[in-house]
Amino acid sequence: MTSRTDYPRCAAIFGASGGIGAAMCEALAARGVERIYAGSRSGNGPAGAAVTPFAFDLADEPSIAAAAEMMASSPPDLVIAATGILTLPDGTGPERTYRKLDPAAMQQVLLLNTIGPAMIAKHMLPLFSRDERAVFAALSARVGSIGDNRMGGWHSYRASKAALNMLLKNFAIELARTHKLAVVAGLHPGTVDTALSEPFQGNVPDQQLFTPQHSAERLLGVLDGLEPKDSGGVFDWAGARVPD
């Protein structure tokens, strides 16, 4: 087995049209990564000679399978699911009480925050080399931590991220049996100035509201430092492990 110094050589960002995903593409391009697959629903990606845009839909597994097939001849060694939703397109926000639970809204949140990233893993993990470093990461959230939950509320969002964290742990255990240098991790970016967090930024101190560029650089730096022994964990933008 080998530990390369030119990692990553090829990266795939699912959610490259979002604030953090787009900033990750830019940061990876600035690093000189040879190829960056940039996925979005529209199929449009950031400009750059290294960028290969592709279309996918979190709610459409065949589109994710097609994306993986397209990458198979030159597979990525870094895959990031930079996706997620807090407020639904119809304006439905996170529930502050169980009295507001709605099954249709819960299904949509779980589809986009849990099932979609799981389908990305299903089709992308088989592309990883068995004898070189490879990393799969997904944007999670500290509120998905059961042990760190002090406030309650935000039921569907918390549940979707807690379920995502469990899946990442499962994937890490399974992948470790065949890919000894692989890492699977969740990432908590903090509060980032994006459309996802915009309705909830009012009480966030300026020094705790990050730009997408700052968040992307910090998260990529965290991934750089993770080792196989860290696989299955969730880490915040400062590299601290988030409680299960």
C-alpha atoms as a PDB file:
ATOM      1  CA  MET A   1       0.000   0.000   0.000  1.00  0.00           C
ATOM      2  CA  THR A   2       1.160   3.513  -0.742  1.00  0.00           C
ATOM      3  CA  SER A   3       0.620   6.926   0.827  1.00  0.00           C
ATOM      4  CA  ARG A   4       0.864   9.527  -1.920  1.00  0.00           C
ATOM      5  CA  THR A   5       2.145  13.061  -1.506  1.00  0.00           C
ATOM      6  CA  ASP A   6       0.145  14.402  -4.469  1.00  0.00           C
ATOM      7  CA  TYR A   7      -3.247  13.771  -2.843  1.00  0.00           C
ATOM      8  CA  PRO A   8      -5.826  14.527  -4.021  1.00  0.00           C
ATOM      9  CA  ARG A   9      -5.130  13.955  -7.678  1.00  0.00           C
ATOM     10  CA  CYS A  10      -8.787  13.931  -8.681  1.00  0.00           C
ATOM     11  CA  ALA A  11     -11.813  15.142  -6.733  1.00  0.00           C
ATOM     12  CA  ALA A  12     -15.593  14.976  -7.095  1.00  0.00           C
ATOM     13  CA  ILE A  13     -17.827  17.574  -5.474  1.00  0.00           C
ATOM     14  CA  PHE A  14     -21.532  16.765  -5.376  1.00  0.00           C
ATOM     15  CA  GLY A  15     -23.242  20.086  -4.734  1.00  0.00           C
ATOM     16  CA  ALA A  16     -20.776  22.316  -6.565  1.00  0.00           C
ATOM     17  CA  SER A  17     -23.341  25.058  -7.153  1.00  0.00           C
ATOM     18  CA  GLY A  18     -23.825  25.662  -3.421  1.00  0.00           C
ATOM     19  CA  GLY A  19     -21.766  28.136  -1.440  1.00  0.00           C
ATOM     20  CA  ILE A  20     -19.439  25.641   0.235  1.00  0.00           C
ATOM     21  CA  GLY A  21     -19.285  23.261  -2.736  1.00  0.00           C
ATOM     22  CA  ALA A  22     -18.357  26.038  -5.182  1.00  0.00           C
ATOM     23  CA  ALA A  23     -15.713  27.333  -2.780  1.00  0.00           C
ATOM     24  CA  MET A  24     -14.284  23.819  -2.441  1.00  0.00           C
ATOM     25  CA  CYS A  25     -13.979  23.553  -6.219  1.00  0.00           C
ATOM     26  CA  GLU A  26     -12.136  26.869  -6.308  1.00  0.00           C
ATOM     27  CA  ALA A  27      -9.826  25.871  -3.459  1.00  0.00           C
ATOM     28  CA  LEU A  28      -8.998  22.527  -5.042  1.00  0.00           C
ATOM     29  CA  ALA A  29      -8.295  24.185  -8.388  1.00  0.00           C
ATOM     30  CA  ALA A  30      -5.965  26.641  -6.638  1.00  0.00           C
ATOM     31  CA  ARG A  31      -4.113  23.654  -5.188  1.00  0.00           C
ATOM     32  CA  GLY A  32      -3.478  22.347  -8.689  1.00  0.00           C
ATOM     33  CA  VAL A  33      -5.726  19.286  -8.490  1.00  0.00           C
ATOM     34  CA  GLU A  34      -5.605  17.681 -11.937  1.00  0.00           C
ATOM     35  CA  ARG A  35      -9.330  17.064 -12.354  1.00  0.00           C
ATOM     36  CA  ILE A  36     -12.356  18.262 -10.410  1.00  0.00           C
ATOM     37  CA  TYR A  37     -15.761  16.779 -11.166  1.00  0.00           C
ATOM     38  CA  ALA A  38     -18.288  19.459 -10.217  1.00  0.00           C
ATOM     39  CA  GLY A  39     -21.852  18.201  -9.849  1.00  0.00           C
ATOM     40  CA  SER A  40     -25.096  20.163  -9.660  1.00  0.00           C
ATOM     41  CA  ARG A  41     -28.721  19.743 -10.678  1.00  0.00           C
ATOM     42  CA  SER A  42     -28.215  22.081 -13.625  1.00  0.00           C
ATOM     43  CA  GLY A  43     -25.005  20.460 -14.769  1.00  0.00           C
ATOM     44  CA  ASN A  44     -23.230  23.818 -14.723  1.00  0.00           C
ATOM     45  CA  GLY A  45     -19.998  24.111 -12.811  1.00  0.00           C
ATOM     46  CA  PRO A  46     -17.349  26.660 -11.886  1.00  0.00           C
ATOM     47  CA  ALA A  47     -15.082  27.795 -14.698  1.00  0.00           C
ATOM     48  CA  GLY A  48     -11.625  26.310 -14.958  1.00  0.00           C
ATOM     49  CA  ALA A  49      -9.557  24.011 -17.129  1.00  0.00           C
ATOM     50  CA  ALA A  50      -9.492  21.342 -14.428  1.00  0.00           C
ATOM     51  CA  VAL A  51     -13.263  21.351 -13.895  1.00  0.00           C
ATOM     52  CA  THR A  52     -15.563  18.767 -15.472  1.00  0.00           C
ATOM     53  CA  PRO A  53     -19.202  19.667 -14.768  1.00  0.00           C
ATOM     54  CA  PHE A  54     -21.855  16.967 -14.458  1.00  0.00           C
ATOM     55  CA  ALA A  55     -25.549  16.823 -13.616  1.00  0.00           C
ATOM     56  CA  PHE A  56     -27.112  14.847 -10.785  1.00  0.00           C
ATOM     57  CA  ASP A  57     -30.197  14.964  -8.586  1.00  0.00           C
ATOM     58  CA  LEU A  58     -30.100  13.819  -4.957  1.00  0.00           C
ATOM     59  CA  ALA A  59     -33.634  12.473  -5.346  1.00  0.00           C
ATOM     60  CA  ASP A  60     -32.793  10.487  -8.498  1.00  0.00           C
ATOM     61  CA  GLU A  61     -30.469   7.536  -7.911  1.00  0.00           C
ATOM     62  CA  PRO A  62     -30.013   6.763 -11.638  1.00  0.00           C
ATOM     63  CA  SER A  63     -28.528  10.235 -12.130  1.00  0.00           C
ATOM     64  CA  ILE A  64     -25.979   9.516  -9.384  1.00  0.00           C
ATOM     65  CA  ALA A  65     -25.197   6.114 -10.889  1.00  0.00           C
ATOM     66  CA  ALA A  66     -24.678   7.749 -14.288  1.00  0.00           C
ATOM     67  CA  ALA A  67     -22.295  10.284 -12.757  1.00  0.00           C
ATOM     68  CA  ALA A  68     -20.235   7.518 -11.169  1.00  0.00           C
ATOM     69  CA  GLU A  69     -20.124   5.626 -14.458  1.00  0.00           C
ATOM     70  CA  MET A  70     -18.874   8.758 -16.193  1.00  0.00           C
ATOM     71  CA  MET A  71     -16.013   9.025 -13.670  1.00  0.00           C
ATOM     72  CA  ALA A  72     -15.052   5.349 -13.709  1.00  0.00           C
ATOM     73  CA  SER A  73     -12.258   5.713 -16.280  1.00  0.00           C
ATOM     74  CA  SER A  74     -10.574   8.431 -14.200  1.00  0.00           C
ATOM     75  CA  PRO A  75     -11.937   7.936 -10.685  1.00  0.00           C
ATOM     76  CA  PRO A  76     -11.613  10.489  -7.889  1.00  0.00           C
ATOM     77  CA  ASP A  77      -9.657   9.852  -4.715  1.00  0.00           C
ATOM     78  CA  LEU A  78     -11.612  12.565  -2.889  1.00  0.00           C
ATOM     79  CA  VAL A  79     -15.425  12.638  -2.940  1.00  0.00           C
ATOM     80  CA  ILE A  80     -17.397  15.259  -1.038  1.00  0.00           C
ATOM     81  CA  ALA A  81     -21.165  15.390  -0.742  1.00  0.00           C
ATOM     82  CA  ALA A  82     -21.476  19.136  -0.186  1.00  0.00           C
ATOM     83  CA  THR A  83     -25.244  18.958  -0.068  1.00  0.00           C
ATOM     84  CA  GLY A  84     -28.016  19.488   2.430  1.00  0.00           C
ATOM     85  CA  ILE A  85     -31.202  21.350   3.209  1.00  0.00           C
ATOM     86  CA  LEU A  86     -32.549  23.116   6.278  1.00  0.00           C
ATOM     87  CA  THR A  87     -35.532  25.035   4.928  1.00  0.00           C
ATOM     88  CA  LEU A  88     -37.617  23.368   2.225  1.00  0.00           C
ATOM     89  CA  PRO A  89     -38.322  25.186  -1.057  1.00  0.00           C
ATOM     90  CA  ASP A  90     -41.884  25.955   0.056  1.00  0.00           C
ATOM     91  CA  GLY A  91     -40.538  27.833   3.066  1.00  0.00           C
ATOM     92  CA  THR A  92     -41.105  25.085   5.616  1.00  0.00           C
ATOM     93  CA  GLY A  93     -38.370  25.513   8.182  1.00  0.00           C
ATOM     94  CA  PRO A  94     -37.037  23.329  10.981  1.00  0.00           C
ATOM     95  CA  GLU A  95     -39.715  22.391  13.518  1.00  0.00           C
ATOM     96  CA  ARG A  96     -39.266  23.894  16.972  1.00  0.00           C
ATOM     97  CA  THR A  97     -41.844  21.544  18.510  1.00  0.00           C
ATOM     98  CA  TYR A  98     -43.151  18.050  17.890  1.00  0.00           C
ATOM     99  CA  ARG A  99     -46.564  19.614  17.342  1.00  0.00           C
ATOM    100  CA  LYS A 100     -45.331  20.910  13.981  1.00  0.00           C
ATOM    101  CA  LEU A 101     -44.141  17.543  12.656  1.00  0.00           C
ATOM    102  CA  ASP A 102     -45.406  16.789   9.161  1.00  0.00           C
ATOM    103  CA  PRO A 103     -44.673  13.424   7.514  1.00  0.00           C
ATOM    104  CA  ALA A 104     -44.302  14.836   4.009  1.00  0.00           C
ATOM    105  CA  ALA A 105     -41.808  17.471   5.162  1.00  0.00           C
ATOM    106  CA  MET A 106     -39.881  14.882   7.191  1.00  0.00           C
ATOM    107  CA  GLN A 107     -39.645  12.601   4.164  1.00  0.00           C
ATOM    108  CA  GLN A 108     -38.252  15.412   2.037  1.00  0.00           C
ATOM    109  CA  VAL A 109     -35.637  16.406   4.609  1.00  0.00           C
ATOM    110  CA  LEU A 110     -34.526  12.802   5.101  1.00  0.00           C
ATOM    111  CA  LEU A 111     -34.415  12.243   1.340  1.00  0.00           C
ATOM    112  CA  LEU A 112     -32.102  15.181   0.756  1.00  0.00           C
ATOM    113  CA  ASN A 113     -29.957  15.062   3.902  1.00  0.00           C
ATOM    114  CA  THR A 114     -29.630  11.306   4.427  1.00  0.00           C
ATOM    115  CA  ILE A 115     -30.745   9.146   1.523  1.00  0.00           C
ATOM    116  CA  GLY A 116     -29.188  11.298  -1.195  1.00  0.00           C
ATOM    117  CA  PRO A 117     -25.681  11.273   0.322  1.00  0.00           C
ATOM    118  CA  ALA A 118     -26.066   7.544   0.988  1.00  0.00           C
ATOM    119  CA  MET A 119     -26.738   6.968  -2.711  1.00  0.00           C
ATOM    120  CA  ILE A 120     -23.646   9.014  -3.564  1.00  0.00           C
ATOM    121  CA  ALA A 121     -21.623   6.718  -1.299  1.00  0.00           C
ATOM    122  CA  LYS A 122     -23.243   3.624  -2.787  1.00  0.00           C
ATOM    123  CA  HIS A 123     -22.062   4.480  -6.282  1.00  0.00           C
ATOM    124  CA  MET A 124     -18.803   6.345  -5.562  1.00  0.00           C
ATOM    125  CA  LEU A 125     -17.108   4.191  -2.917  1.00  0.00           C
ATOM    126  CA  PRO A 126     -16.621   1.283  -5.372  1.00  0.00           C
ATOM    127  CA  LEU A 127     -14.437   3.598  -7.484  1.00  0.00           C
ATOM    128  CA  PHE A 128     -11.830   4.002  -4.723  1.00  0.00           C
ATOM    129  CA  SER A 129      -8.441   2.358  -5.083  1.00  0.00           C
ATOM    130  CA  ARG A 130      -7.838  -0.407  -2.556  1.00  0.00           C
ATOM    131  CA  ASP A 131      -4.174   0.435  -2.012  1.00  0.00           C
ATOM    132  CA  GLU A 132      -4.029   4.241  -2.006  1.00  0.00           C
ATOM    133  CA  ARG A 133      -5.460   6.997   0.163  1.00  0.00           C
ATOM    134  CA  ALA A 134      -9.051   7.877  -0.633  1.00  0.00           C
ATOM    135  CA  VAL A 135     -11.532  10.055   1.265  1.00  0.00           C
ATOM    136  CA  PHE A 136     -15.325  10.236   1.232  1.00  0.00           C
ATOM    137  CA  ALA A 137     -16.830  13.121   3.182  1.00  0.00           C
ATOM    138  CA  ALA A 138     -20.306  14.560   3.612  1.00  0.00           C
ATOM    139  CA  LEU A 139     -21.449  17.827   5.113  1.00  0.00           C
ATOM    140  CA  SER A 140     -23.149  17.074   8.407  1.00  0.00           C
ATOM    141  CA  ALA A 141     -23.950  19.292  11.391  1.00  0.00           C
ATOM    142  CA  ARG A 142     -23.246  19.464  15.101  1.00  0.00           C
ATOM    143  CA  VAL A 143     -26.998  19.351  15.738  1.00  0.00           C
ATOM    144  CA  GLY A 144     -26.903  15.772  14.427  1.00  0.00           C
ATOM    145  CA  SER A 145     -24.983  14.764  17.538  1.00  0.00           C
ATOM    146  CA  ILE A 146     -27.183  12.923  20.040  1.00  0.00           C
ATOM    147  CA  GLY A 147     -24.686  13.389  22.864  1.00  0.00           C
ATOM    148  CA  ASP A 148     -24.377  17.130  22.225  1.00  0.00           C
ATOM    149  CA  ASN A 149     -28.120  17.796  22.003  1.00  0.00           C
ATOM    150  CA  ARG A 150     -29.059  20.259  24.741  1.00  0.00           C
ATOM    151  CA  MET A 151     -31.784  22.301  23.041  1.00  0.00           C
ATOM    152  CA  GLY A 152     -34.089  19.845  21.263  1.00  0.00           C
ATOM    153  CA  GLY A 153     -36.231  21.026  18.382  1.00  0.00           C
ATOM    154  CA  TRP A 154     -35.334  21.072  14.690  1.00  0.00           C
ATOM    155  CA  HIS A 155     -36.601  17.501  14.685  1.00  0.00           C
ATOM    156  CA  SER A 156     -36.371  16.477  11.038  1.00  0.00           C
ATOM    157  CA  TYR A 157     -33.045  18.220  10.470  1.00  0.00           C
ATOM    158  CA  ARG A 158     -31.453  16.770  13.601  1.00  0.00           C
ATOM    159  CA  ALA A 159     -32.774  13.296  12.808  1.00  0.00           C
ATOM    160  CA  SER A 160     -31.569  13.446   9.195  1.00  0.00           C
ATOM    161  CA  LYS A 161     -28.059  14.443  10.218  1.00  0.00           C
ATOM    162  CA  ALA A 162     -27.923  11.890  13.046  1.00  0.00           C
ATOM    163  CA  ALA A 163     -28.934   9.212  10.547  1.00  0.00           C
ATOM    164  CA  LEU A 164     -26.319  10.461   8.088  1.00  0.00           C
ATOM    165  CA  ASN A 165     -23.656  10.254  10.801  1.00  0.00           C
ATOM    166  CA  MET A 166     -24.629   6.652  11.537  1.00  0.00           C
ATOM    167  CA  LEU A 167     -24.424   5.753   7.854  1.00  0.00           C
ATOM    168  CA  LEU A 168     -20.961   7.321   7.600  1.00  0.00           C
ATOM    169  CA  LYS A 169     -19.849   5.199  10.555  1.00  0.00           C
ATOM    170  CA  ASN A 170     -21.272   2.098   8.874  1.00  0.00           C
ATOM    171  CA  PHE A 171     -19.550   2.909   5.584  1.00  0.00           C
ATOM    172  CA  ALA A 172     -16.243   3.430   7.401  1.00  0.00           C
ATOM    173  CA  ILE A 173     -16.452   0.032   9.092  1.00  0.00           C
ATOM    174  CA  GLU A 174     -17.300  -1.744   5.855  1.00  0.00           C
ATOM    175  CA  LEU A 175     -14.724   0.079   3.739  1.00  0.00           C
ATOM    176  CA  ALA A 176     -11.936  -0.597   6.246  1.00  0.00           C
ATOM    177  CA  ARG A 177     -12.177  -4.310   5.503  1.00  0.00           C
ATOM    178  CA  THR A 178     -10.947  -3.817   1.939  1.00  0.00           C
ATOM    179  CA  HIS A 179      -9.525  -0.270   1.739  1.00  0.00           C
ATOM    180  CA  LYS A 180      -6.973   0.095   4.528  1.00  0.00           C
ATOM    181  CA  LEU A 181      -6.021   3.688   3.645  1.00  0.00           C
ATOM    182  CA  ALA A 182      -9.544   4.998   3.103  1.00  0.00           C
ATOM    183  CA  VAL A 183     -11.262   7.579   5.282  1.00  0.00           C
ATOM    184  CA  VAL A 184     -14.981   8.291   5.617  1.00  0.00           C
ATOM    185  CA  ALA A 185     -15.950  11.397   7.560  1.00  0.00           C
ATOM    186  CA  GLY A 186     -18.705  13.865   8.317  1.00  0.00           C
ATOM    187  CA  LEU A 187     -17.919  17.578   8.353  1.00  0.00           C
ATOM    188  CA  HIS A 188     -19.496  20.291  10.486  1.00  0.00           C
ATOM    189  CA  PRO A 189     -18.719  23.587   8.730  1.00  0.00           C
ATOM    190  CA  GLY A 190     -20.018  25.915  11.437  1.00  0.00           C
ATOM    191  CA  THR A 191     -22.390  28.707  10.432  1.00  0.00           C
ATOM    192  CA  VAL A 192     -21.559  29.683   6.873  1.00  0.00           C
ATOM    193  CA  ASP A 193     -22.966  32.677   5.018  1.00  0.00           C
ATOM    194  CA  THR A 194     -25.028  30.705   2.496  1.00  0.00           C
ATOM    195  CA  ALA A 195     -28.669  30.462   1.492  1.00  0.00           C
ATOM    196  CA  LEU A 196     -29.105  27.479   3.856  1.00  0.00           C
ATOM    197  CA  SER A 197     -28.244  29.475   6.974  1.00  0.00           C
ATOM    198  CA  GLU A 198     -29.455  32.929   5.904  1.00  0.00           C
ATOM    199  CA  PRO A 199     -32.774  32.830   7.804  1.00  0.00           C
ATOM    200  CA  PHE A 200     -30.952  31.916  11.026  1.00  0.00           C
ATOM    201  CA  GLN A 201     -27.960  34.279  10.988  1.00  0.00           C
ATOM    202  CA  GLY A 202     -29.521  37.020  13.104  1.00  0.00           C
ATOM    203  CA  ASN A 203     -28.139  35.789  16.423  1.00  0.00           C
ATOM    204  CA  VAL A 204     -24.765  34.644  15.092  1.00  0.00           C
ATOM    205  CA  PRO A 205     -21.820  36.877  16.099  1.00  0.00           C
ATOM    206  CA  ASP A 206     -19.865  38.209  13.115  1.00  0.00           C
ATOM    207  CA  GLN A 207     -16.730  36.310  14.126  1.00  0.00           C
ATOM    208  CA  GLN A 208     -18.713  33.047  14.063  1.00  0.00           C
ATOM    209  CA  LEU A 209     -20.254  33.584  10.628  1.00  0.00           C
ATOM    210  CA  PHE A 210     -17.828  32.199   8.071  1.00  0.00           C
ATOM    211  CA  THR A 211     -17.521  32.948   4.389  1.00  0.00           C
ATOM    212  CA  PRO A 212     -17.843  29.909   2.101  1.00  0.00           C
ATOM    213  CA  GLN A 213     -14.197  30.369   1.104  1.00  0.00           C
ATOM    214  CA  HIS A 214     -12.997  30.318   4.718  1.00  0.00           C
ATOM    215  CA  SER A 215     -15.139  27.285   5.500  1.00  0.00           C
ATOM    216  CA  ALA A 216     -13.980  25.389   2.409  1.00  0.00           C
ATOM    217  CA  GLU A 217     -10.307  25.979   3.198  1.00  0.00           C
ATOM    218  CA  ARG A 218     -10.762  24.895   6.809  1.00  0.00           C
ATOM    219  CA  LEU A 219     -12.734  21.766   5.927  1.00  0.00           C
ATOM    220  CA  LEU A 220     -10.257  20.688   3.253  1.00  0.00           C
ATOM    221  CA  GLY A 221      -7.490  21.223   5.791  1.00  0.00           C
ATOM    222  CA  VAL A 222      -9.331  18.984   8.257  1.00  0.00           C
ATOM    223  CA  LEU A 223      -9.630  16.257   5.627  1.00  0.00           C
ATOM    224  CA  ASP A 224      -5.897  16.565   4.873  1.00  0.00           C
ATOM    225  CA  GLY A 225      -5.137  15.659   8.477  1.00  0.00           C
ATOM    226  CA  LEU A 226      -7.479  12.698   8.885  1.00  0.00           C
ATOM    227  CA  GLU A 227      -6.058   9.186   9.028  1.00  0.00           C
ATOM    228  CA  PRO A 228      -7.744   5.784   8.643  1.00  0.00           C
ATOM    229  CA  LYS A 229      -8.047   5.557  12.438  1.00  0.00           C
ATOM    230  CA  ASP A 230     -10.294   8.638  12.286  1.00  0.00           C
ATOM    231  CA  SER A 231     -12.642   7.080   9.746  1.00  0.00           C
ATOM    232  CA  GLY A 232     -16.288   7.143  10.738  1.00  0.00           C
ATOM    233  CA  GLY A 233     -16.076  10.301  12.812  1.00  0.00           C
ATOM    234  CA  VAL A 234     -17.629  13.730  12.370  1.00  0.00           C
ATOM    235  CA  PHE A 235     -15.270  16.703  12.635  1.00  0.00           C
ATOM    236  CA  ASP A 236     -15.863  20.409  12.856  1.00  0.00           C
ATOM    237  CA  TRP A 237     -14.156  23.153  10.875  1.00  0.00           C
ATOM    238  CA  ALA A 238     -11.432  23.404  13.536  1.00  0.00           C
ATOM    239  CA  GLY A 239     -10.671  19.663  13.407  1.00  0.00           C
ATOM    240  CA  ALA A 240     -12.356  18.808  16.713  1.00  0.00           C
ATOM    241  CA  ARG A 241     -14.354  15.603  16.795  1.00  0.00           C
ATOM    242  CA  VAL A 242     -18.098  16.083  17.230  1.00  0.00           C
ATOM    243  CA  PRO A 243     -19.622  13.781  19.890  1.00  0.00           C
ATOM    244  CA  ASP A 244     -21.720  10.870  18.639  1.00  0.00           C
END
